[in-house]
Amino acid sequence: MSGSAGAPLAFITGASSGIGQALAARFYAAGYRLALSARRTGEIESWIASEGLDPGRVAIYGADVAQVDSIVSAGHECVARQGVPDVVIANAGVSIGMDTAQREDLDVMAQTFAINNLGLAATFHPFVAPMRERGSGRLVGIGSVAAIRGLPGHGAYCASKAGVVSYCESLRCELHGTGVKVVTICPGYVDTPLTQGNRYGMPFLLKPAEFADRAYRTIEAGSSYRVIPWQMGVVAKLLRIVPNALYDRGVQGRGRKKRRGEQ
């Protein structure tokens, strides 16, 4: 497709690196126009130049999803400048270890929720009404297999991603019958800056491009919920039914996510 206004449009947050950047590349390859949002807009600009993307098909919106008015304004600007997106992917997120016994880690938890949960809802907000009026669109929330069960030292992230899954399900029910689909994608382990410092094994690790290709097909199909890769989906289901006593013993000694400031 060309960069004309007739091409479909994807709005993606956290597009400066990792999964967000890989999703942007996959949707661009499929002929989409892109609306890319991040705090670090310079990194998006460098990536666009290095990949030789058509600037007529890409717009950049500087925004911080932790600040509601910032990301809401970016969404309204996108509608005014490029039109109502066909796909909105709330991908921006953080993953930081925490210890509830440490006062400063409560601030880490507050920041995690502000980005991973409130930021996701604020990302969707500008597009819900116009998508509903149009009768079509896909709102995509990026959860995690960490939503399935809590992990030691990972309370903020696990709780936030469980919140993503529940919130997206609520929104999906609210929008039932409107033509607007809500898609929840729970990645397993993907080789990105978010996971490269992990101090534990990461089975079924995917390259970002592999994940993006599978996610693209899930979004295009309008699936309501998908764990990627499917092997992690099986593991997640098994973990959900394991008795608590057995699960608690099984995660003892597991490496914990690094807390803020840890090397």
C-alpha atoms as a PDB file:
ATOM      1  CA  MET A   1       0.000   0.000   0.000  1.00  0.00           C
ATOM      2  CA  SER A   2       1.026   3.593  -0.422  1.00  0.00           C
ATOM      3  CA  GLY A   3       1.196   6.258   2.247  1.00  0.00           C
ATOM      4  CA  SER A   4      -2.236   7.591   1.263  1.00  0.00           C
ATOM      5  CA  ALA A   5      -4.958   8.312   3.783  1.00  0.00           C
ATOM      6  CA  GLY A   6      -6.742   5.169   2.559  1.00  0.00           C
ATOM      7  CA  ALA A   7      -4.131   2.874   4.108  1.00  0.00           C
ATOM      8  CA  PRO A   8      -4.973   1.488   7.564  1.00  0.00           C
ATOM      9  CA  LEU A   9      -3.430   3.179  10.585  1.00  0.00           C
ATOM     10  CA  ALA A  10      -1.809   1.666  13.689  1.00  0.00           C
ATOM     11  CA  PHE A  11      -1.147   3.722  16.828  1.00  0.00           C
ATOM     12  CA  ILE A  12       1.574   2.118  18.983  1.00  0.00           C
ATOM     13  CA  THR A  13       2.964   3.269  22.335  1.00  0.00           C
ATOM     14  CA  GLY A  14       6.423   2.396  23.591  1.00  0.00           C
ATOM     15  CA  ALA A  15       7.596   2.380  19.985  1.00  0.00           C
ATOM     16  CA  SER A  16      11.185   3.489  20.630  1.00  0.00           C
ATOM     17  CA  SER A  17      12.553  -0.016  21.293  1.00  0.00           C
ATOM     18  CA  GLY A  18      11.796  -3.675  21.956  1.00  0.00           C
ATOM     19  CA  ILE A  19       8.354  -5.103  21.266  1.00  0.00           C
ATOM     20  CA  GLY A  20       6.890  -1.730  20.276  1.00  0.00           C
ATOM     21  CA  GLN A  21       9.506  -1.166  17.596  1.00  0.00           C
ATOM     22  CA  ALA A  22       9.135  -4.728  16.302  1.00  0.00           C
ATOM     23  CA  LEU A  23       5.357  -4.303  16.075  1.00  0.00           C
ATOM     24  CA  ALA A  24       5.829  -1.028  14.204  1.00  0.00           C
ATOM     25  CA  ALA A  25       8.078  -2.765  11.672  1.00  0.00           C
ATOM     26  CA  ARG A  26       5.579  -5.610  11.189  1.00  0.00           C
ATOM     27  CA  PHE A  27       2.593  -3.330  10.676  1.00  0.00           C
ATOM     28  CA  TYR A  28       4.580  -1.108   8.313  1.00  0.00           C
ATOM     29  CA  ALA A  29       5.537  -4.182   6.260  1.00  0.00           C
ATOM     30  CA  ALA A  30       1.825  -5.055   6.052  1.00  0.00           C
ATOM     31  CA  GLY A  31       1.066  -1.666   4.481  1.00  0.00           C
ATOM     32  CA  TYR A  32      -0.120   0.250   7.526  1.00  0.00           C
ATOM     33  CA  ARG A  33       0.522   3.881   8.208  1.00  0.00           C
ATOM     34  CA  LEU A  34       2.076   4.330  11.629  1.00  0.00           C
ATOM     35  CA  ALA A  35       1.405   6.642  14.549  1.00  0.00           C
ATOM     36  CA  LEU A  36       4.287   5.998  16.947  1.00  0.00           C
ATOM     37  CA  SER A  37       4.363   7.307  20.491  1.00  0.00           C
ATOM     38  CA  ALA A  38       7.161   7.335  23.073  1.00  0.00           C
ATOM     39  CA  ARG A  39       9.024   9.622  25.426  1.00  0.00           C
ATOM     40  CA  ARG A  40      12.254   9.128  23.461  1.00  0.00           C
ATOM     41  CA  THR A  41      11.170  10.426  20.075  1.00  0.00           C
ATOM     42  CA  GLY A  42      14.753  10.809  18.910  1.00  0.00           C
ATOM     43  CA  GLU A  43      15.206   7.047  18.988  1.00  0.00           C
ATOM     44  CA  ILE A  44      12.121   6.592  16.811  1.00  0.00           C
ATOM     45  CA  GLU A  45      13.463   9.167  14.345  1.00  0.00           C
ATOM     46  CA  SER A  46      16.826   7.369  14.171  1.00  0.00           C
ATOM     47  CA  TRP A  47      15.114   4.024  13.638  1.00  0.00           C
ATOM     48  CA  ILE A  48      12.914   5.384  10.834  1.00  0.00           C
ATOM     49  CA  ALA A  49      15.977   6.795   9.092  1.00  0.00           C
ATOM     50  CA  SER A  50      18.066   3.641   9.530  1.00  0.00           C
ATOM     51  CA  GLU A  51      15.279   1.426   8.174  1.00  0.00           C
ATOM     52  CA  GLY A  52      14.554   3.740   5.259  1.00  0.00           C
ATOM     53  CA  LEU A  53      10.855   4.039   6.074  1.00  0.00           C
ATOM     54  CA  ASP A  54       8.673   6.375   4.035  1.00  0.00           C
ATOM     55  CA  PRO A  55       8.204   9.453   6.257  1.00  0.00           C
ATOM     56  CA  GLY A  56       4.849  10.019   4.585  1.00  0.00           C
ATOM     57  CA  ARG A  57       3.560   6.869   6.264  1.00  0.00           C
ATOM     58  CA  VAL A  58       4.872   7.555   9.761  1.00  0.00           C
ATOM     59  CA  ALA A  59       4.048  10.213  12.360  1.00  0.00           C
ATOM     60  CA  ILE A  60       5.692  10.545  15.770  1.00  0.00           C
ATOM     61  CA  TYR A  61       3.967  11.711  18.951  1.00  0.00           C
ATOM     62  CA  GLY A  62       6.038  12.528  21.999  1.00  0.00           C
ATOM     63  CA  ALA A  63       4.138  11.432  25.101  1.00  0.00           C
ATOM     64  CA  ASP A  64       4.585   9.926  28.544  1.00  0.00           C
ATOM     65  CA  VAL A  65       1.947   7.293  29.281  1.00  0.00           C
ATOM     66  CA  ALA A  66       2.511   7.824  33.022  1.00  0.00           C
ATOM     67  CA  GLN A  67       1.009  11.300  32.564  1.00  0.00           C
ATOM     68  CA  VAL A  68      -2.651  10.921  31.600  1.00  0.00           C
ATOM     69  CA  ASP A  69      -3.004  14.276  29.856  1.00  0.00           C
ATOM     70  CA  SER A  70       0.202  13.677  27.888  1.00  0.00           C
ATOM     71  CA  ILE A  71      -0.885  10.428  26.234  1.00  0.00           C
ATOM     72  CA  VAL A  72      -4.515  11.568  25.860  1.00  0.00           C
ATOM     73  CA  SER A  73      -3.312  14.684  24.018  1.00  0.00           C
ATOM     74  CA  ALA A  74      -1.156  12.513  21.748  1.00  0.00           C
ATOM     75  CA  GLY A  75      -4.186  10.404  20.893  1.00  0.00           C
ATOM     76  CA  HIS A  76      -6.320  13.426  20.048  1.00  0.00           C
ATOM     77  CA  GLU A  77      -3.487  14.836  17.948  1.00  0.00           C
ATOM     78  CA  CYS A  78      -3.286  11.547  16.061  1.00  0.00           C
ATOM     79  CA  VAL A  79      -7.007  11.659  15.242  1.00  0.00           C
ATOM     80  CA  ALA A  80      -6.741  15.272  14.058  1.00  0.00           C
ATOM     81  CA  ARG A  81      -3.600  14.655  12.018  1.00  0.00           C
ATOM     82  CA  GLN A  82      -4.004  11.117  10.651  1.00  0.00           C
ATOM     83  CA  GLY A  83      -7.556  10.046  11.409  1.00  0.00           C
ATOM     84  CA  VAL A  84      -9.014   7.404  13.703  1.00  0.00           C
ATOM     85  CA  PRO A  85      -6.650   4.409  13.852  1.00  0.00           C
ATOM     86  CA  ASP A  86      -7.715   0.937  12.823  1.00  0.00           C
ATOM     87  CA  VAL A  87      -5.465  -0.581  15.503  1.00  0.00           C
ATOM     88  CA  VAL A  88      -4.309   0.894  18.820  1.00  0.00           C
ATOM     89  CA  ILE A  89      -1.614  -1.053  20.681  1.00  0.00           C
ATOM     90  CA  ALA A  90      -1.023  -0.042  24.306  1.00  0.00           C
ATOM     91  CA  ASN A  91       2.435  -1.543  24.523  1.00  0.00           C
ATOM     92  CA  ALA A  92       4.400   0.854  26.757  1.00  0.00           C
ATOM     93  CA  GLY A  93       5.315  -0.764  30.052  1.00  0.00           C
ATOM     94  CA  VAL A  94       7.944  -1.168  32.754  1.00  0.00           C
ATOM     95  CA  SER A  95       9.209  -4.135  34.736  1.00  0.00           C
ATOM     96  CA  ILE A  96      11.101  -3.417  37.959  1.00  0.00           C
ATOM     97  CA  GLY A  97      11.621  -5.709  40.933  1.00  0.00           C
ATOM     98  CA  MET A  98      10.294  -4.717  44.329  1.00  0.00           C
ATOM     99  CA  ASP A  99      10.550  -5.595  48.017  1.00  0.00           C
ATOM    100  CA  THR A 100       7.504  -4.525  50.017  1.00  0.00           C
ATOM    101  CA  ALA A 101       9.684  -4.130  53.118  1.00  0.00           C
ATOM    102  CA  GLN A 102      11.493  -1.241  51.401  1.00  0.00           C
ATOM    103  CA  ARG A 103       9.624   2.091  51.469  1.00  0.00           C
ATOM    104  CA  GLU A 104      11.104   3.300  48.175  1.00  0.00           C
ATOM    105  CA  ASP A 105       9.730   0.252  46.400  1.00  0.00           C
ATOM    106  CA  LEU A 106       6.184   1.378  47.095  1.00  0.00           C
ATOM    107  CA  ASP A 107       6.990   4.295  44.801  1.00  0.00           C
ATOM    108  CA  VAL A 108       8.203   1.770  42.215  1.00  0.00           C
ATOM    109  CA  MET A 109       4.844   0.013  42.483  1.00  0.00           C
ATOM    110  CA  ALA A 110       2.955   3.293  42.056  1.00  0.00           C
ATOM    111  CA  GLN A 111       4.986   4.116  38.953  1.00  0.00           C
ATOM    112  CA  THR A 112       4.454   0.620  37.542  1.00  0.00           C
ATOM    113  CA  PHE A 113       0.681   0.924  37.917  1.00  0.00           C
ATOM    114  CA  ALA A 114       0.720   4.444  36.487  1.00  0.00           C
ATOM    115  CA  ILE A 115       2.433   3.215  33.321  1.00  0.00           C
ATOM    116  CA  ASN A 116       1.175  -0.340  32.906  1.00  0.00           C
ATOM    117  CA  ASN A 117      -2.451   0.190  33.955  1.00  0.00           C
ATOM    118  CA  LEU A 118      -3.624   3.782  34.004  1.00  0.00           C
ATOM    119  CA  GLY A 119      -1.368   4.505  31.030  1.00  0.00           C
ATOM    120  CA  LEU A 120      -3.002   1.693  29.070  1.00  0.00           C
ATOM    121  CA  ALA A 121      -6.520   2.993  29.754  1.00  0.00           C
ATOM    122  CA  ALA A 122      -5.426   6.546  28.904  1.00  0.00           C
ATOM    123  CA  THR A 123      -3.940   5.279  25.639  1.00  0.00           C
ATOM    124  CA  PHE A 124      -7.286   3.780  24.628  1.00  0.00           C
ATOM    125  CA  HIS A 125      -9.418   6.691  25.872  1.00  0.00           C
ATOM    126  CA  PRO A 126      -9.209   9.071  22.862  1.00  0.00           C
ATOM    127  CA  PHE A 127     -10.120   6.303  20.433  1.00  0.00           C
ATOM    128  CA  VAL A 128     -13.008   4.471  22.104  1.00  0.00           C
ATOM    129  CA  ALA A 129     -15.789   6.887  21.162  1.00  0.00           C
ATOM    130  CA  PRO A 130     -14.704   7.497  17.529  1.00  0.00           C
ATOM    131  CA  MET A 131     -14.096   3.782  16.947  1.00  0.00           C
ATOM    132  CA  ARG A 132     -17.513   2.963  18.385  1.00  0.00           C
ATOM    133  CA  GLU A 133     -19.103   5.630  16.193  1.00  0.00           C
ATOM    134  CA  ARG A 134     -17.335   4.216  13.137  1.00  0.00           C
ATOM    135  CA  GLY A 135     -18.277   0.660  14.120  1.00  0.00           C
ATOM    136  CA  SER A 136     -14.795  -0.839  13.803  1.00  0.00           C
ATOM    137  CA  GLY A 137     -11.333  -0.927  15.333  1.00  0.00           C
ATOM    138  CA  ARG A 138      -9.032  -3.010  17.500  1.00  0.00           C
ATOM    139  CA  LEU A 139      -7.773  -1.992  20.928  1.00  0.00           C
ATOM    140  CA  VAL A 140      -4.812  -4.165  21.893  1.00  0.00           C
ATOM    141  CA  GLY A 141      -3.541  -4.505  25.451  1.00  0.00           C
ATOM    142  CA  ILE A 142      -0.128  -6.064  26.013  1.00  0.00           C
ATOM    143  CA  GLY A 143      -0.257  -8.185  29.150  1.00  0.00           C
ATOM    144  CA  SER A 144       2.206 -10.902  30.162  1.00  0.00           C
ATOM    145  CA  VAL A 145       2.293 -14.513  31.284  1.00  0.00           C
ATOM    146  CA  ALA A 146       3.404 -12.935  34.572  1.00  0.00           C
ATOM    147  CA  ALA A 147      -0.288 -12.086  34.991  1.00  0.00           C
ATOM    148  CA  ILE A 148      -1.088 -15.744  35.633  1.00  0.00           C
ATOM    149  CA  ARG A 149       0.666 -16.223  38.987  1.00  0.00           C
ATOM    150  CA  GLY A 150       2.686 -14.027  41.306  1.00  0.00           C
ATOM    151  CA  LEU A 151       6.462 -14.369  41.264  1.00  0.00           C
ATOM    152  CA  PRO A 152       8.817 -13.569  44.174  1.00  0.00           C
ATOM    153  CA  GLY A 153      10.249 -10.062  43.949  1.00  0.00           C
ATOM    154  CA  HIS A 154       8.013  -9.275  41.009  1.00  0.00           C
ATOM    155  CA  GLY A 155       4.860  -8.187  42.816  1.00  0.00           C
ATOM    156  CA  ALA A 156       4.404  -4.832  41.075  1.00  0.00           C
ATOM    157  CA  TYR A 157       4.792  -6.216  37.572  1.00  0.00           C
ATOM    158  CA  CYS A 158       2.716  -9.364  38.123  1.00  0.00           C
ATOM    159  CA  ALA A 159      -0.090  -7.389  39.758  1.00  0.00           C
ATOM    160  CA  SER A 160      -0.049  -4.760  37.014  1.00  0.00           C
ATOM    161  CA  LYS A 161      -0.224  -7.325  34.220  1.00  0.00           C
ATOM    162  CA  ALA A 162      -3.028  -9.215  35.967  1.00  0.00           C
ATOM    163  CA  GLY A 163      -4.758  -5.842  36.004  1.00  0.00           C
ATOM    164  CA  VAL A 164      -4.187  -5.439  32.264  1.00  0.00           C
ATOM    165  CA  VAL A 165      -5.871  -8.771  31.567  1.00  0.00           C
ATOM    166  CA  SER A 166      -8.894  -8.001  33.770  1.00  0.00           C
ATOM    167  CA  TYR A 167      -9.248  -4.439  32.498  1.00  0.00           C
ATOM    168  CA  CYS A 168      -9.142  -5.534  28.859  1.00  0.00           C
ATOM    169  CA  GLU A 169     -11.760  -8.186  29.560  1.00  0.00           C
ATOM    170  CA  SER A 170     -14.021  -5.574  31.136  1.00  0.00           C
ATOM    171  CA  LEU A 171     -13.556  -3.259  28.166  1.00  0.00           C
ATOM    172  CA  ARG A 172     -14.191  -6.113  25.751  1.00  0.00           C
ATOM    173  CA  CYS A 173     -17.536  -6.819  27.411  1.00  0.00           C
ATOM    174  CA  GLU A 174     -18.433  -3.109  27.361  1.00  0.00           C
ATOM    175  CA  LEU A 175     -17.743  -2.868  23.623  1.00  0.00           C
ATOM    176  CA  HIS A 176     -19.442  -6.124  22.659  1.00  0.00           C
ATOM    177  CA  GLY A 177     -21.629  -5.641  19.608  1.00  0.00           C
ATOM    178  CA  THR A 178     -20.132  -2.268  18.641  1.00  0.00           C
ATOM    179  CA  GLY A 179     -17.708  -3.611  16.038  1.00  0.00           C
ATOM    180  CA  VAL A 180     -14.746  -2.589  18.202  1.00  0.00           C
ATOM    181  CA  LYS A 181     -12.674  -5.585  19.283  1.00  0.00           C
ATOM    182  CA  VAL A 182     -10.446  -5.724  22.349  1.00  0.00           C
ATOM    183  CA  VAL A 183      -7.445  -8.019  21.971  1.00  0.00           C
ATOM    184  CA  THR A 184      -5.357  -9.111  24.949  1.00  0.00           C
ATOM    185  CA  ILE A 185      -1.899 -10.463  24.138  1.00  0.00           C
ATOM    186  CA  CYS A 186       0.247 -12.000  26.848  1.00  0.00           C
ATOM    187  CA  PRO A 187       3.854 -12.396  25.729  1.00  0.00           C
ATOM    188  CA  GLY A 188       6.070 -15.019  27.249  1.00  0.00           C
ATOM    189  CA  TYR A 189       9.755 -14.179  27.212  1.00  0.00           C
ATOM    190  CA  VAL A 190      10.888 -11.875  24.405  1.00  0.00           C
ATOM    191  CA  ASP A 191      14.522 -10.856  23.938  1.00  0.00           C
ATOM    192  CA  THR A 192      14.265  -7.109  24.643  1.00  0.00           C
ATOM    193  CA  PRO A 193      15.988  -4.610  26.951  1.00  0.00           C
ATOM    194  CA  LEU A 194      13.172  -5.303  29.436  1.00  0.00           C
ATOM    195  CA  THR A 195      14.208  -8.953  29.848  1.00  0.00           C
ATOM    196  CA  GLN A 196      17.934  -8.969  29.119  1.00  0.00           C
ATOM    197  CA  GLY A 197      18.842  -8.295  32.764  1.00  0.00           C
ATOM    198  CA  ASN A 198      16.700 -11.119  34.151  1.00  0.00           C
ATOM    199  CA  ARG A 199      18.437 -13.421  36.623  1.00  0.00           C
ATOM    200  CA  TYR A 200      16.428 -16.539  35.869  1.00  0.00           C
ATOM    201  CA  GLY A 201      15.786 -18.930  32.986  1.00  0.00           C
ATOM    202  CA  MET A 202      13.534 -17.768  30.168  1.00  0.00           C
ATOM    203  CA  PRO A 203      12.079 -20.783  28.339  1.00  0.00           C
ATOM    204  CA  PHE A 204      10.752 -20.442  24.780  1.00  0.00           C
ATOM    205  CA  LEU A 205      12.518 -17.088  24.368  1.00  0.00           C
ATOM    206  CA  LEU A 206      11.410 -15.288  21.201  1.00  0.00           C
ATOM    207  CA  LYS A 207      13.173 -12.703  19.093  1.00  0.00           C
ATOM    208  CA  PRO A 208      11.134  -9.475  18.861  1.00  0.00           C
ATOM    209  CA  ALA A 209      10.419  -9.964  15.151  1.00  0.00           C
ATOM    210  CA  GLU A 210       9.083 -13.475  15.794  1.00  0.00           C
ATOM    211  CA  PHE A 211       6.800 -12.210  18.518  1.00  0.00           C
ATOM    212  CA  ALA A 212       5.633  -9.283  16.374  1.00  0.00           C
ATOM    213  CA  ASP A 213       4.703 -11.550  13.481  1.00  0.00           C
ATOM    214  CA  ARG A 214       2.586 -13.808  15.699  1.00  0.00           C
ATOM    215  CA  ALA A 215       1.034 -10.810  17.442  1.00  0.00           C
ATOM    216  CA  TYR A 216       0.183  -9.219  14.087  1.00  0.00           C
ATOM    217  CA  ARG A 217      -1.703 -12.330  12.996  1.00  0.00           C
ATOM    218  CA  THR A 218      -3.532 -12.464  16.337  1.00  0.00           C
ATOM    219  CA  ILE A 219      -4.579  -8.818  16.039  1.00  0.00           C
ATOM    220  CA  GLU A 220      -5.690  -9.165  12.426  1.00  0.00           C
ATOM    221  CA  ALA A 221      -7.806 -12.170  13.407  1.00  0.00           C
ATOM    222  CA  GLY A 222      -9.416 -10.144  16.195  1.00  0.00           C
ATOM    223  CA  SER A 223      -8.728 -12.844  18.779  1.00  0.00           C
ATOM    224  CA  SER A 224      -9.863 -11.879  22.257  1.00  0.00           C
ATOM    225  CA  TYR A 225      -6.928 -13.415  24.156  1.00  0.00           C
ATOM    226  CA  ARG A 226      -3.676 -15.073  23.166  1.00  0.00           C
ATOM    227  CA  VAL A 227      -0.480 -16.145  24.922  1.00  0.00           C
ATOM    228  CA  ILE A 228       2.566 -15.961  22.633  1.00  0.00           C
ATOM    229  CA  PRO A 229       4.266 -18.372  22.176  1.00  0.00           C
ATOM    230  CA  TRP A 230       1.618 -21.041  22.585  1.00  0.00           C
ATOM    231  CA  GLN A 231       4.003 -23.200  24.619  1.00  0.00           C
ATOM    232  CA  MET A 232       3.961 -20.576  27.352  1.00  0.00           C
ATOM    233  CA  GLY A 233       0.187 -20.652  27.188  1.00  0.00           C
ATOM    234  CA  VAL A 234       0.276 -24.333  28.085  1.00  0.00           C
ATOM    235  CA  VAL A 235       2.730 -23.658  30.902  1.00  0.00           C
ATOM    236  CA  ALA A 236       0.515 -20.834  32.178  1.00  0.00           C
ATOM    237  CA  LYS A 237      -2.561 -23.069  32.285  1.00  0.00           C
ATOM    238  CA  LEU A 238      -0.648 -25.740  34.183  1.00  0.00           C
ATOM    239  CA  LEU A 239       0.682 -23.189  36.660  1.00  0.00           C
ATOM    240  CA  ARG A 240      -2.846 -21.914  37.274  1.00  0.00           C
ATOM    241  CA  ILE A 241      -4.072 -25.317  38.465  1.00  0.00           C
ATOM    242  CA  VAL A 242      -1.028 -26.255  40.553  1.00  0.00           C
ATOM    243  CA  PRO A 243      -1.967 -26.237  44.267  1.00  0.00           C
ATOM    244  CA  ASN A 244      -0.616 -23.227  46.149  1.00  0.00           C
ATOM    245  CA  ALA A 245       1.570 -25.284  48.477  1.00  0.00           C
ATOM    246  CA  LEU A 246       3.287 -26.983  45.541  1.00  0.00           C
ATOM    247  CA  TYR A 247       3.647 -23.721  43.624  1.00  0.00           C
ATOM    248  CA  ASP A 248       5.119 -21.928  46.640  1.00  0.00           C
ATOM    249  CA  ARG A 249       7.795 -24.608  47.049  1.00  0.00           C
ATOM    250  CA  GLY A 250       8.533 -24.619  43.337  1.00  0.00           C
ATOM    251  CA  VAL A 251       9.426 -20.919  43.118  1.00  0.00           C
ATOM    252  CA  GLN A 252      11.718 -20.883  46.140  1.00  0.00           C
ATOM    253  CA  GLY A 253      15.261 -20.002  45.144  1.00  0.00           C
ATOM    254  CA  ARG A 254      14.149 -18.495  41.845  1.00  0.00           C
ATOM    255  CA  GLY A 255      16.173 -15.467  40.792  1.00  0.00           C
ATOM    256  CA  ARG A 256      14.353 -12.223  41.494  1.00  0.00           C
ATOM    257  CA  LYS A 257      13.823  -9.268  39.212  1.00  0.00           C
ATOM    258  CA  LYS A 258      16.371  -6.526  39.864  1.00  0.00           C
ATOM    259  CA  ARG A 259      15.142  -3.700  42.048  1.00  0.00           C
ATOM    260  CA  ARG A 260      15.679  -0.095  40.978  1.00  0.00           C
ATOM    261  CA  GLY A 261      19.347   0.787  41.314  1.00  0.00           C
ATOM    262  CA  GLU A 262      20.571  -2.822  41.427  1.00  0.00           C
ATOM    263  CA  GLN A 263      23.365  -3.715  39.022  1.00  0.00           C
END
